[in-house]
Structure formats: C-alpha cells, structure tokens
C-alpha cells in the first residue's frame, strides 16, 4: 500500500469511527465490555458487508495468489 493510500485510509477510518461513535448509545460505552460489544456489533452490522465486496469478485483468483494456501487453511 502506498503512503498516500495509508494516509487516506487512516482519514476514512477516523471518520467512520466518529460516525459510529455518534450513533452508539451512551450507556453502551461506559465500560470496556460495552465498548467491545458496541464496536463488534457496529463492525458486523455496518462495515463488514460493505468491506468484503472484493472477496466476491468472479476474477478473484486471477488477481491474488497464495503460495502457502494449504499451510494457512488446511
């Protein structure tokens, strides 16, 4: 990843965090357990479905190779 892309990603992540924070009830962020639960819920509910779109590309195997695939997943 280029330094420019890293900086842009950091900017977007901070903005996303701000939006999620504003939309989380105050009582959910009073304890570490509440924060963890709220973050996990927000990520699963709102971010994961949008971020994972590239995993469903039909030509995925043409763009990525994993030489140690069997070591990692089997």
Protein backbone atom coordinates (compact mmCIF):
# COMPACT_ATOMS: atom_id res chain seq x y z
CA UNK A 1 0.00 0.00 0.00
CA UNK A 2 1.35 3.38 -0.89
CA UNK A 3 1.92 6.03 1.80
CA UNK A 4 -0.79 8.15 0.18
CA UNK A 5 -3.28 5.28 0.38
CA UNK A 6 -2.35 4.62 4.01
CA UNK A 7 -2.95 8.25 4.88
CA UNK A 8 -6.27 8.27 3.03
CA UNK A 9 -7.33 5.04 4.73
CA UNK A 10 -6.44 6.49 8.13
CA UNK A 11 -8.56 9.55 7.39
CA UNK A 12 -11.54 7.42 6.38
CA UNK A 13 -11.20 5.12 9.39
CA UNK A 14 -11.22 8.11 11.74
CA UNK A 15 -14.33 9.47 10.03
CA UNK A 16 -16.07 6.08 10.22
CA UNK A 17 -15.17 5.78 13.91
CA UNK A 18 -16.64 9.22 14.53
CA UNK A 19 -19.89 8.30 12.80
CA UNK A 20 -20.19 5.00 14.68
CA UNK A 21 -19.43 6.73 17.99
CA UNK A 22 -22.16 9.32 17.39
CA UNK A 23 -24.63 6.53 16.67
CA UNK A 24 -23.84 4.41 19.72
CA UNK A 25 -25.97 4.89 22.84
CA UNK A 26 -24.02 6.48 25.72
CA UNK A 27 -24.79 3.59 28.07
CA UNK A 28 -23.03 1.19 25.68
CA UNK A 29 -19.68 2.97 26.02
CA UNK A 30 -19.40 3.26 29.79
CA UNK A 31 -17.41 0.05 30.28
CA UNK A 32 -14.73 -1.80 28.34
CA UNK A 33 -17.14 -4.70 27.81
CA UNK A 34 -19.78 -2.31 26.49
CA UNK A 35 -17.30 -0.66 24.15
CA UNK A 36 -16.12 -4.04 22.84
CA UNK A 37 -19.68 -5.23 22.29
CA UNK A 38 -20.71 -1.98 20.59
CA UNK A 39 -17.67 -1.96 18.31
CA UNK A 40 -18.15 -5.60 17.32
CA UNK A 41 -21.83 -5.05 16.62
CA UNK A 42 -21.20 -1.91 14.57
CA UNK A 43 -18.48 -3.61 12.51
CA UNK A 44 -20.55 -6.72 11.84
CA UNK A 45 -23.73 -4.82 11.12
CA UNK A 46 -22.47 -1.91 9.06
CA UNK A 47 -18.88 -2.30 7.91
CA UNK A 48 -18.17 -5.96 7.14
CA UNK A 49 -20.86 -6.34 4.47
CA UNK A 50 -19.53 -3.27 2.65
CA UNK A 51 -15.81 -4.01 3.00
CA UNK A 52 -15.99 -7.64 1.95
CA UNK A 53 -17.34 -6.88 -1.53
CA UNK A 54 -13.97 -7.58 -3.17
CA UNK A 55 -13.97 -11.17 -1.87
CA UNK A 56 -16.93 -11.98 -4.10
CA UNK A 57 -15.27 -10.91 -7.33
CA UNK A 58 -15.53 -13.54 -10.04
CA UNK A 59 -11.96 -12.94 -11.13
CA UNK A 60 -10.51 -13.01 -7.59
CA UNK A 61 -8.24 -15.98 -8.32
CA UNK A 62 -6.73 -14.17 -11.28
CA UNK A 63 -5.55 -11.29 -9.11
CA UNK A 64 -4.35 -12.95 -5.91
CA UNK A 65 -2.20 -15.95 -5.31
CA UNK A 66 -1.38 -17.54 -2.01
CA UNK A 67 1.65 -19.81 -2.30
CA UNK A 68 1.20 -21.19 1.22
CA UNK A 69 -2.54 -21.61 0.92
CA UNK A 70 -2.59 -25.20 2.22
CA UNK A 71 -0.36 -24.28 5.15
CA UNK A 72 -2.64 -21.43 6.14
CA UNK A 73 -6.03 -23.01 5.71
CA UNK A 74 -5.68 -26.79 5.86
